[in-house]
Amino acid sequence: MKRIIVDYKKLTPEILSLLVEKYPDGYDDDHVIVFKNARNETVEAVEVRTEDSIYLVKVSSRLATTMENFDEDDYSEDEFDEPISEVPEDKSPEGEEDDS
C-alpha cells in the first residue's frame, strides 16, 4: 500500500471528499499523526485511506477551512482527480510558514 504525503495546496476533490467523510465535524488532536519526513522535519497530518493508498494530509488552518467549505457537488467527475485550484495561497508574511 502506498503512503502519500499531501499538502493542502495539492488536495484533489477526491481526497478532500474522503477527509470530509471521515471527519464530518472536523479533526482534533486525537486524529493528528506526528512523524519525521525524509528531510527530518516534523510533520503533522491526518490520515485517510483508499483501497490502494494511505494519504497523510498535512494539517493547517487552511485545511480546516477548506474542509468546512467543501461541497462535492461543486466538482464534475473529470475534475475529481485534479488539485483544487481555488484553495487560497499562503498569506503568511514572507519568510514565515503557517504551521497551524
Protein backbone atom coordinates (compact mmCIF):
# COMPACT_ATOMS: atom_id res chain seq x y z
CA MET A 1 0.00 0.00 0.00
CA LYS A 2 1.35 3.42 -0.98
CA ARG A 3 1.76 6.15 1.68
CA ILE A 4 1.41 9.59 0.16
CA ILE A 5 2.01 12.89 1.97
CA VAL A 6 -0.29 15.60 0.61
CA ASP A 7 -0.18 19.35 1.26
CA TYR A 8 -3.48 21.27 1.22
CA LYS A 9 -2.33 23.01 -1.99
CA LYS A 10 -2.28 19.62 -3.75
CA LEU A 11 -5.65 18.37 -2.48
CA THR A 12 -7.94 16.81 -5.05
CA PRO A 13 -11.71 16.79 -4.60
CA GLU A 14 -11.44 13.01 -4.16
CA ILE A 15 -9.06 13.29 -1.17
CA LEU A 16 -10.98 16.22 0.28
CA SER A 17 -14.20 14.22 -0.02
CA LEU A 18 -12.58 11.33 1.89
CA LEU A 19 -11.44 13.75 4.61
CA VAL A 20 -14.88 15.30 4.99
CA GLU A 21 -16.47 11.85 5.09
CA LYS A 22 -14.03 10.57 7.74
CA TYR A 23 -14.05 13.79 9.81
CA PRO A 24 -17.52 15.34 9.23
CA ASP A 25 -17.17 17.53 12.34
CA GLY A 26 -13.51 18.33 11.65
CA TYR A 27 -10.46 16.67 13.13
CA ASP A 28 -8.98 17.18 16.57
CA ASP A 29 -5.64 16.46 18.24
CA ASP A 30 -6.53 12.77 18.68
CA HIS A 31 -6.70 12.37 14.88
CA VAL A 32 -3.35 14.04 14.14
CA ILE A 33 -0.34 11.86 13.35
CA VAL A 34 3.11 13.36 14.01
CA PHE A 35 6.15 11.99 12.14
CA LYS A 36 9.51 12.99 10.64
CA ASN A 37 9.74 13.26 6.85
CA ALA A 38 12.76 12.39 4.67
CA ARG A 39 14.32 15.81 5.48
CA ASN A 40 13.94 15.09 9.21
CA GLU A 41 11.25 17.78 9.53
CA THR A 42 8.35 17.21 11.92
CA VAL A 43 5.09 16.83 10.03
CA GLU A 44 1.56 16.79 11.46
CA ALA A 45 -1.09 15.11 9.30
CA VAL A 46 -4.46 13.39 9.30
CA GLU A 47 -4.88 10.03 7.59
CA VAL A 48 -7.40 8.87 5.02
CA ARG A 49 -7.29 5.55 3.15
CA THR A 50 -8.38 4.23 -0.21
CA GLU A 51 -8.15 0.63 -1.37
CA ASP A 52 -4.56 1.07 -2.55
CA SER A 53 -3.21 4.18 -0.77
CA ILE A 54 -2.84 5.87 2.59
CA TYR A 55 -2.96 9.65 2.31
CA LEU A 56 -1.33 11.70 5.05
CA VAL A 57 -2.74 15.20 4.60
CA LYS A 58 -0.67 17.91 6.27
CA VAL A 59 -2.60 19.76 8.96
CA SER A 60 -3.06 23.54 8.67
CA SER A 61 -5.69 26.16 9.36
CA ARG A 62 -6.32 26.30 5.59
CA LEU A 63 -7.08 22.57 5.54
CA ALA A 64 -9.75 23.01 8.21
CA THR A 65 -11.30 25.92 6.31
CA THR A 66 -11.19 24.03 3.02
CA MET A 67 -12.89 21.02 4.63
CA GLU A 68 -15.62 23.26 6.10
CA ASN A 69 -16.34 24.85 2.71
CA PHE A 70 -16.15 21.68 0.58
CA ASP A 71 -19.19 20.62 -1.43
CA GLU A 72 -18.67 17.55 -3.61
CA ASP A 73 -21.39 18.77 -6.00
CA ASP A 74 -19.19 21.74 -6.97
CA TYR A 75 -16.93 19.41 -8.99
CA SER A 76 -17.50 17.35 -12.12
CA GLU A 77 -16.23 13.79 -12.34
CA ASP A 78 -13.42 14.99 -14.66
CA GLU A 79 -12.16 17.43 -12.00
CA PHE A 80 -12.20 14.91 -9.16
CA ASP A 81 -8.55 13.83 -9.60
CA GLU A 82 -7.13 17.32 -10.22
CA PRO A 83 -5.76 19.60 -7.46
CA ILE A 84 -8.33 22.15 -6.31
CA SER A 85 -7.32 25.40 -7.96
CA GLU A 86 -9.31 27.79 -5.77
CA VAL A 87 -7.59 26.85 -2.49
CA PRO A 88 -6.20 30.17 -1.22
CA GLU A 89 -2.48 30.72 -1.44
CA ASP A 90 -0.35 31.17 1.69
CA LYS A 91 -0.89 34.66 3.11
CA SER A 92 1.85 34.41 5.77
CA PRO A 93 4.44 37.21 5.81
CA GLU A 94 7.42 36.41 3.63
CA GLY A 95 9.87 34.01 5.23
CA GLU A 96 7.33 32.63 7.71
CA GLU A 97 5.47 29.38 7.40
CA ASP A 98 1.98 28.71 8.72
CA ASP A 99 2.31 25.66 10.96
CA SER A 100 -1.19 25.94 12.44
